[in-house]
C-alpha cells in the first residue's frame, strides 16, 4: 500500500465528519453559530441604516425650519 493512501483516507473521513456535523447539529454546531451571528449582523446593519435615514430626516426637518411634528419614526426600528 502506498504511503500517501492512509493520509488521503483519513482526510476524507475528517472532511465527511465535518460536513455531517454541520448538517446534523445545525444551530448548536459551530457552523450554526456562524449562521446565527451572520443573521444578527445583518439585522443590526439594517437597523443602523434605518436609524441613519431617520436621523437624516430629522436633521433636514430642523434645518429647513419646518414646524412640528417631526417625521414619523419608521416601523423597522423597534
PDB file of N, CA and C in Angstrom:
ATOM      1  N   UNK A   1       0.846  -1.173   0.000  1.00  0.00           N
ATOM      2  CA  UNK A   1       0.000   0.000   0.000  1.00  0.00           C
ATOM      3  C   UNK A   1       0.895   1.241   0.000  1.00  0.00           C
ATOM      4  N   UNK A   2       0.577   2.209  -0.867  1.00  0.00           N
ATOM      5  CA  UNK A   2       1.387   3.439  -0.905  1.00  0.00           C
ATOM      6  C   UNK A   2       1.298   4.194   0.425  1.00  0.00           C
ATOM      7  N   UNK A   3       2.333   4.965   0.698  1.00  0.00           N
ATOM      8  CA  UNK A   3       2.400   5.711   1.967  1.00  0.00           C
ATOM      9  C   UNK A   3       1.350   6.819   2.040  1.00  0.00           C
ATOM     10  N   UNK A   4       0.949   7.381   0.927  1.00  0.00           N
ATOM     11  CA  UNK A   4       0.032   8.513   0.923  1.00  0.00           C
ATOM     12  C   UNK A   4      -1.432   8.089   1.040  1.00  0.00           C
ATOM     13  N   UNK A   5      -1.728   6.806   0.824  1.00  0.00           N
ATOM     14  CA  UNK A   5      -3.114   6.351   0.843  1.00  0.00           C
ATOM     15  C   UNK A   5      -3.791   6.506   2.213  1.00  0.00           C
ATOM     16  N   UNK A   6      -3.141   6.127   3.326  1.00  0.00           N
ATOM     17  CA  UNK A   6      -3.809   6.349   4.621  1.00  0.00           C
ATOM     18  C   UNK A   6      -4.079   7.830   4.910  1.00  0.00           C
ATOM     19  N   UNK A   7      -3.181   8.696   4.448  1.00  0.00           N
ATOM     20  CA  UNK A   7      -3.389  10.130   4.652  1.00  0.00           C
ATOM     21  C   UNK A   7      -4.639  10.602   3.916  1.00  0.00           C
ATOM     22  N   UNK A   8      -4.814  10.156   2.688  1.00  0.00           N
ATOM     23  CA  UNK A   8      -5.994  10.536   1.907  1.00  0.00           C
ATOM     24  C   UNK A   8      -7.264   9.985   2.550  1.00  0.00           C
ATOM     25  N   UNK A   9      -7.214   8.765   3.033  1.00  0.00           N
ATOM     26  CA  UNK A   9      -8.390   8.153   3.660  1.00  0.00           C
ATOM     27  C   UNK A   9      -8.777   8.903   4.930  1.00  0.00           C
ATOM     28  N   UNK A  10      -7.791   9.241   5.757  1.00  0.00           N
ATOM     29  CA  UNK A  10      -8.063   9.974   6.999  1.00  0.00           C
ATOM     30  C   UNK A  10      -8.608  11.361   6.695  1.00  0.00           C
ATOM     31  N   UNK A  11      -8.054  12.034   5.685  1.00  0.00           N
ATOM     32  CA  UNK A  11      -8.542  13.363   5.301  1.00  0.00           C
ATOM     33  C   UNK A  11      -9.986  13.288   4.814  1.00  0.00           C
ATOM     34  N   UNK A  12     -10.322  12.249   4.049  1.00  0.00           N
ATOM     35  CA  UNK A  12     -11.693  12.102   3.557  1.00  0.00           C
ATOM     36  C   UNK A  12     -12.663  11.843   4.704  1.00  0.00           C
ATOM     37  N   UNK A  13     -12.256  11.028   5.661  1.00  0.00           N
ATOM     38  CA  UNK A  13     -13.112  10.759   6.823  1.00  0.00           C
ATOM     39  C   UNK A  13     -13.319  12.028   7.641  1.00  0.00           C
ATOM     40  N   UNK A  14     -12.248  12.800   7.834  1.00  0.00           N
ATOM     41  CA  UNK A  14     -12.360  14.046   8.609  1.00  0.00           C
ATOM     42  C   UNK A  14     -13.263  15.051   7.899  1.00  0.00           C
ATOM     43  N   UNK A  15     -13.106  15.173   6.587  1.00  0.00           N
ATOM     44  CA  UNK A  15     -13.935  16.115   5.837  1.00  0.00           C
ATOM     45  C   UNK A  15     -15.400  15.706   5.865  1.00  0.00           C
ATOM     46  N   UNK A  16     -15.669  14.418   5.706  1.00  0.00           N
ATOM     47  CA  UNK A  16     -17.061  13.986   5.736  1.00  0.00           C
ATOM     48  C   UNK A  16     -17.643  14.129   7.143  1.00  0.00           C
ATOM     49  N   UNK A  17     -16.829  13.936   8.171  1.00  0.00           N
ATOM     50  CA  UNK A  17     -17.301  14.142   9.544  1.00  0.00           C
ATOM     51  C   UNK A  17     -17.643  15.587   9.813  1.00  0.00           C
ATOM     52  N   UNK A  18     -16.826  16.510   9.303  1.00  0.00           N
ATOM     53  CA  UNK A  18     -17.108  17.939   9.481  1.00  0.00           C
ATOM     54  C   UNK A  18     -18.394  18.323   8.752  1.00  0.00           C
ATOM     55  N   UNK A  19     -18.554  17.803   7.539  1.00  0.00           N
ATOM     56  CA  UNK A  19     -19.761  18.105   6.785  1.00  0.00           C
ATOM     57  C   UNK A  19     -20.992  17.548   7.496  1.00  0.00           C
ATOM     58  N   UNK A  20     -20.897  16.313   7.970  1.00  0.00           N
ATOM     59  CA  UNK A  20     -22.019  15.680   8.665  1.00  0.00           C
ATOM     60  C   UNK A  20     -22.377  16.439   9.937  1.00  0.00           C
ATOM     61  N   UNK A  21     -21.363  16.857  10.682  1.00  0.00           N
ATOM     62  CA  UNK A  21     -21.606  17.613  11.912  1.00  0.00           C
ATOM     63  C   UNK A  21     -22.304  18.931  11.613  1.00  0.00           C
ATOM     64  N   UNK A  22     -21.889  19.599  10.542  1.00  0.00           N
ATOM     65  CA  UNK A  22     -22.508  20.876  10.181  1.00  0.00           C
ATOM     66  C   UNK A  22     -23.967  20.683   9.785  1.00  0.00           C
ATOM     67  N   UNK A  23     -24.280  19.600   9.122  1.00  0.00           N
ATOM     68  CA  UNK A  23     -25.644  19.357   8.672  1.00  0.00           C
ATOM     69  C   UNK A  23     -26.547  18.848   9.785  1.00  0.00           C
ATOM     70  N   UNK A  24     -26.041  18.001  10.651  1.00  0.00           N
ATOM     71  CA  UNK A  24     -26.873  17.371  11.672  1.00  0.00           C
ATOM     72  C   UNK A  24     -27.096  18.293  12.865  1.00  0.00           C
ATOM     73  N   UNK A  25     -26.029  18.917  13.358  1.00  0.00           N
ATOM     74  CA  UNK A  25     -26.165  19.719  14.571  1.00  0.00           C
ATOM     75  C   UNK A  25     -26.879  21.025  14.306  1.00  0.00           C
ATOM     76  N   UNK A  26     -26.763  21.551  13.089  1.00  0.00           N
ATOM     77  CA  UNK A  26     -27.487  22.771  12.737  1.00  0.00           C
ATOM     78  C   UNK A  26     -27.109  23.930  13.625  1.00  0.00           C
ATOM     79  N   UNK A  27     -28.040  24.391  14.448  1.00  0.00           N
ATOM     80  CA  UNK A  27     -27.839  25.598  15.235  1.00  0.00           C
ATOM     81  C   UNK A  27     -26.873  25.409  16.397  1.00  0.00           C
ATOM     82  N   UNK A  28     -26.687  24.191  16.861  1.00  0.00           N
ATOM     83  CA  UNK A  28     -25.825  24.003  18.019  1.00  0.00           C
ATOM     84  C   UNK A  28     -24.369  23.844  17.630  1.00  0.00           C
ATOM     85  N   UNK A  29     -24.082  23.490  16.397  1.00  0.00           N
ATOM     86  CA  UNK A  29     -22.703  23.331  15.953  1.00  0.00           C
ATOM     87  C   UNK A  29     -22.069  24.679  15.660  1.00  0.00           C
ATOM     88  N   UNK A  30     -20.778  24.662  15.379  1.00  0.00           N
ATOM     89  CA  UNK A  30     -20.069  25.909  15.119  1.00  0.00           C
ATOM     90  C   UNK A  30     -20.568  26.581  13.845  1.00  0.00           C
ATOM     91  N   UNK A  31     -20.961  25.785  12.834  1.00  0.00           N
ATOM     92  CA  UNK A  31     -21.483  26.382  11.614  1.00  0.00           C
ATOM     93  C   UNK A  31     -22.829  27.041  11.879  1.00  0.00           C
ATOM     94  N   UNK A  32     -23.626  26.456  12.746  1.00  0.00           N
ATOM     95  CA  UNK A  32     -24.900  27.065  13.110  1.00  0.00           C
ATOM     96  C   UNK A  32     -24.695  28.370  13.854  1.00  0.00           C
ATOM     97  N   UNK A  33     -23.674  28.419  14.684  1.00  0.00           N
ATOM     98  CA  UNK A  33     -23.379  29.659  15.408  1.00  0.00           C
ATOM     99  C   UNK A  33     -22.964  30.760  14.455  1.00  0.00           C
ATOM    100  N   UNK A  34     -22.153  30.404  13.476  1.00  0.00           N
ATOM    101  CA  UNK A  34     -21.718  31.403  12.498  1.00  0.00           C
ATOM    102  C   UNK A  34     -22.914  31.918  11.716  1.00  0.00           C
ATOM    103  N   UNK A  35     -23.802  31.016  11.329  1.00  0.00           N
ATOM    104  CA  UNK A  35     -25.001  31.418  10.604  1.00  0.00           C
ATOM    105  C   UNK A  35     -25.860  32.349  11.466  1.00  0.00           C
ATOM    106  N   UNK A  36     -25.994  32.039  12.752  1.00  0.00           N
ATOM    107  CA  UNK A  36     -26.759  32.897  13.663  1.00  0.00           C
ATOM    108  C   UNK A  36     -26.113  34.273  13.798  1.00  0.00           C
ATOM    109  N   UNK A  37     -24.794  34.297  13.931  1.00  0.00           N
ATOM    110  CA  UNK A  37     -24.097  35.575  14.046  1.00  0.00           C
ATOM    111  C   UNK A  37     -24.234  36.405  12.774  1.00  0.00           C
ATOM    112  N   UNK A  38     -24.140  35.760  11.622  1.00  0.00           N
ATOM    113  CA  UNK A  38     -24.298  36.489  10.368  1.00  0.00           C
ATOM    114  C   UNK A  38     -25.696  37.076  10.239  1.00  0.00           C
ATOM    115  N   UNK A  39     -26.705  36.334  10.647  1.00  0.00           N
ATOM    116  CA  UNK A  39     -28.067  36.872  10.573  1.00  0.00           C
ATOM    117  C   UNK A  39     -28.251  38.020  11.557  1.00  0.00           C
ATOM    118  N   UNK A  40     -27.617  37.917  12.718  1.00  0.00           N
ATOM    119  CA  UNK A  40     -27.704  39.008  13.697  1.00  0.00           C
ATOM    120  C   UNK A  40     -26.990  40.266  13.197  1.00  0.00           C
ATOM    121  N   UNK A  41     -25.846  40.092  12.571  1.00  0.00           N
ATOM    122  CA  UNK A  41     -25.124  41.240  11.998  1.00  0.00           C
ATOM    123  C   UNK A  41     -25.954  41.888  10.898  1.00  0.00           C
ATOM    124  N   UNK A  42     -26.612  41.079  10.067  1.00  0.00           N
ATOM    125  CA  UNK A  42     -27.477  41.637   9.031  1.00  0.00           C
ATOM    126  C   UNK A  42     -28.600  42.458   9.631  1.00  0.00           C
ATOM    127  N   UNK A  43     -29.203  41.964  10.707  1.00  0.00           N
ATOM    128  CA  UNK A  43     -30.277  42.690  11.378  1.00  0.00           C
ATOM    129  C   UNK A  43     -29.770  44.017  11.940  1.00  0.00           C
ATOM    130  N   UNK A  44     -28.615  43.991  12.582  1.00  0.00           N
ATOM    131  CA  UNK A  44     -28.052  45.216  13.165  1.00  0.00           C
ATOM    132  C   UNK A  44     -27.716  46.217  12.064  1.00  0.00           C
ATOM    133  N   UNK A  45     -27.193  45.748  10.941  1.00  0.00           N
ATOM    134  CA  UNK A  45     -26.876  46.660   9.842  1.00  0.00           C
ATOM    135  C   UNK A  45     -28.135  47.283   9.254  1.00  0.00           C
ATOM    136  N   UNK A  46     -29.205  46.481   9.122  1.00  0.00           N
ATOM    137  CA  UNK A  46     -30.470  47.039   8.620  1.00  0.00           C
ATOM    138  C   UNK A  46     -31.005  48.104   9.561  1.00  0.00           C
ATOM    139  N   UNK A  47     -30.980  47.822  10.864  1.00  0.00           N
ATOM    140  CA  UNK A  47     -31.463  48.810  11.846  1.00  0.00           C
ATOM    141  C   UNK A  47     -30.609  50.069  11.827  1.00  0.00           C
ATOM    142  N   UNK A  48     -29.309  49.899  11.675  1.00  0.00           N
ATOM    143  CA  UNK A  48     -28.407  51.043  11.622  1.00  0.00           C
ATOM    144  C   UNK A  48     -28.735  51.921  10.415  1.00  0.00           C
ATOM    145  N   UNK A  49     -28.985  51.307   9.277  1.00  0.00           N
ATOM    146  CA  UNK A  49     -29.342  52.075   8.083  1.00  0.00           C
ATOM    147  C   UNK A  49     -30.658  52.808   8.264  1.00  0.00           C
ATOM    148  N   UNK A  50     -31.641  52.145   8.882  1.00  0.00           N
ATOM    149  CA  UNK A  50     -32.937  52.784   9.129  1.00  0.00           C
ATOM    150  C   UNK A  50     -32.766  53.973  10.075  1.00  0.00           C
ATOM    151  N   UNK A  51     -31.983  53.787  11.140  1.00  0.00           N
ATOM    152  CA  UNK A  51     -31.747  54.881  12.081  1.00  0.00           C
ATOM    153  C   UNK A  51     -31.009  56.040  11.424  1.00  0.00           C
ATOM    154  N   UNK A  52     -30.035  55.725  10.580  1.00  0.00           N
ATOM    155  CA  UNK A  52     -29.282  56.776   9.906  1.00  0.00           C
ATOM    156  C   UNK A  52     -30.213  57.595   9.021  1.00  0.00           C
ATOM    157  N   UNK A  53     -31.064  56.905   8.263  1.00  0.00           N
ATOM    158  CA  UNK A  53     -32.008  57.614   7.389  1.00  0.00           C
ATOM    159  C   UNK A  53     -32.986  58.465   8.197  1.00  0.00           C
ATOM    160  N   UNK A  54     -33.461  57.946   9.318  1.00  0.00           N
ATOM    161  CA  UNK A  54     -34.390  58.713  10.151  1.00  0.00           C
ATOM    162  C   UNK A  54     -33.706  59.942  10.756  1.00  0.00           C
ATOM    163  N   UNK A  55     -32.479  59.761  11.222  1.00  0.00           N
ATOM    164  CA  UNK A  55     -31.738  60.909  11.753  1.00  0.00           C
ATOM    165  C   UNK A  55     -31.504  61.954  10.680  1.00  0.00           C
ATOM    166  N   UNK A  56     -31.246  61.513   9.458  1.00  0.00           N
ATOM    167  CA  UNK A  56     -31.065  62.454   8.348  1.00  0.00           C
ATOM    168  C   UNK A  56     -32.352  63.232   8.098  1.00  0.00           C
ATOM    169  N   UNK A  57     -33.505  62.552   8.190  1.00  0.00           N
ATOM    170  CA  UNK A  57     -34.789  63.227   8.021  1.00  0.00           C
ATOM    171  C   UNK A  57     -35.015  64.260   9.122  1.00  0.00           C
ATOM    172  N   UNK A  58     -34.651  63.899  10.362  1.00  0.00           N
ATOM    173  CA  UNK A  58     -34.811  64.855  11.473  1.00  0.00           C
ATOM    174  C   UNK A  58     -33.916  66.075  11.288  1.00  0.00           C
ATOM    175  N   UNK A  59     -32.680  65.845  10.878  1.00  0.00           N
ATOM    176  CA  UNK A  59     -31.755  66.971  10.648  1.00  0.00           C
ATOM    177  C   UNK A  59     -32.290  67.867   9.537  1.00  0.00           C
ATOM    178  N   UNK A  60     -32.765  67.280   8.453  1.00  0.00           N
ATOM    179  CA  UNK A  60     -33.325  68.076   7.362  1.00  0.00           C
ATOM    180  C   UNK A  60     -34.572  68.838   7.821  1.00  0.00           C
ATOM    181  N   UNK A  61     -35.390  68.200   8.637  1.00  0.00           N
ATOM    182  CA  UNK A  61     -36.598  68.836   9.160  1.00  0.00           C
ATOM    183  C   UNK A  61     -36.226  70.072   9.991  1.00  0.00           C
ATOM    184  N   UNK A  62     -35.253  69.936  10.845  1.00  0.00           N
ATOM    185  CA  UNK A  62     -34.825  71.060  11.692  1.00  0.00           C
ATOM    186  C   UNK A  62     -34.158  72.137  10.850  1.00  0.00           C
ATOM    187  N   UNK A  63     -33.306  71.739   9.918  1.00  0.00           N
ATOM    188  CA  UNK A  63     -32.558  72.697   9.105  1.00  0.00           C
ATOM    189  C   UNK A  63     -33.486  73.531   8.229  1.00  0.00           C
ATOM    190  N   UNK A  64     -34.553  72.911   7.729  1.00  0.00           N
ATOM    191  CA  UNK A  64     -35.489  73.623   6.860  1.00  0.00           C
ATOM    192  C   UNK A  64     -36.441  74.506   7.655  1.00  0.00           C
ATOM    193  N   UNK A  65     -36.416  74.373   8.975  1.00  0.00           N
ATOM    194  CA  UNK A  65     -37.287  75.179   9.816  1.00  0.00           C
ATOM    195  C   UNK A  65     -38.746  74.772   9.716  1.00  0.00           C
ATOM    196  N   UNK A  66     -38.994  73.538   9.408  1.00  0.00           N
ATOM    197  CA  UNK A  66     -40.357  73.039   9.295  1.00  0.00           C
ATOM    198  C   UNK A  66     -40.975  72.952  10.690  1.00  0.00           C
ATOM    199  N   UNK A  67     -42.221  73.359  10.843  1.00  0.00           N
ATOM    200  CA  UNK A  67     -42.850  73.313  12.164  1.00  0.00           C
ATOM    201  C   UNK A  67     -43.146  71.869  12.591  1.00  0.00           C
ATOM    202  N   UNK A  68     -43.416  71.686  13.893  1.00  0.00           N
ATOM    203  CA  UNK A  68     -43.740  70.340  14.386  1.00  0.00           C
ATOM    204  C   UNK A  68     -44.995  69.825  13.704  1.00  0.00           C
ATOM    205  N   UNK A  69     -45.229  68.591  13.709  1.00  0.00           N
ATOM    206  CA  UNK A  69     -44.494  67.479  14.307  1.00  0.00           C
ATOM    207  C   UNK A  69     -43.337  67.023  13.410  1.00  0.00           C
ATOM    208  N   UNK A  70     -42.356  66.377  14.014  1.00  0.00           N
ATOM    209  CA  UNK A  70     -41.241  65.852  13.218  1.00  0.00           C
ATOM    210  C   UNK A  70     -41.691  64.646  12.377  1.00  0.00           C
ATOM    211  N   UNK A  71     -40.876  64.199  11.480  1.00  0.00           N
ATOM    212  CA  UNK A  71     -41.241  62.996  10.696  1.00  0.00           C
ATOM    213  C   UNK A  71     -41.513  61.808  11.598  1.00  0.00           C
ATOM    214  N   UNK A  72     -42.399  60.956  11.165  1.00  0.00           N
ATOM    215  CA  UNK A  72     -42.743  59.781  11.971  1.00  0.00           C
ATOM    216  C   UNK A  72     -41.582  58.796  12.016  1.00  0.00           C
ATOM    217  N   UNK A  73     -41.459  58.145  13.177  1.00  0.00           N
ATOM    218  CA  UNK A  73     -40.402  57.143  13.333  1.00  0.00           C
ATOM    219  C   UNK A  73     -40.753  55.901  12.509  1.00  0.00           C
ATOM    220  N   UNK A  74     -39.778  55.347  11.797  1.00  0.00           N
ATOM    221  CA  UNK A  74     -40.056  54.155  10.978  1.00  0.00           C
ATOM    222  C   UNK A  74     -40.392  52.944  11.834  1.00  0.00           C
ATOM    223  N   UNK A  75     -41.130  52.010  11.251  1.00  0.00           N
ATOM    224  CA  UNK A  75     -41.545  50.805  11.965  1.00  0.00           C
ATOM    225  C   UNK A  75     -40.406  49.833  12.207  1.00  0.00           C
ATOM    226  N   UNK A  76     -39.368  49.844  11.379  1.00  0.00           N
ATOM    227  CA  UNK A  76     -38.315  48.849  11.473  1.00  0.00           C
ATOM    228  C   UNK A  76     -37.369  49.033  12.635  1.00  0.00           C
ATOM    229  N   UNK A  77     -37.476  50.101  13.384  1.00  0.00           N
ATOM    230  CA  UNK A  77     -36.532  50.360  14.480  1.00  0.00           C
ATOM    231  C   UNK A  77     -36.857  49.513  15.704  1.00  0.00           C
ATOM    232  N   UNK A  78     -38.103  49.465  16.056  1.00  0.00           N
ATOM    233  CA  UNK A  78     -38.483  48.767  17.303  1.00  0.00           C
ATOM    234  C   UNK A  78     -38.923  47.358  16.978  1.00  0.00           C
TER     235      UNK A  78
END
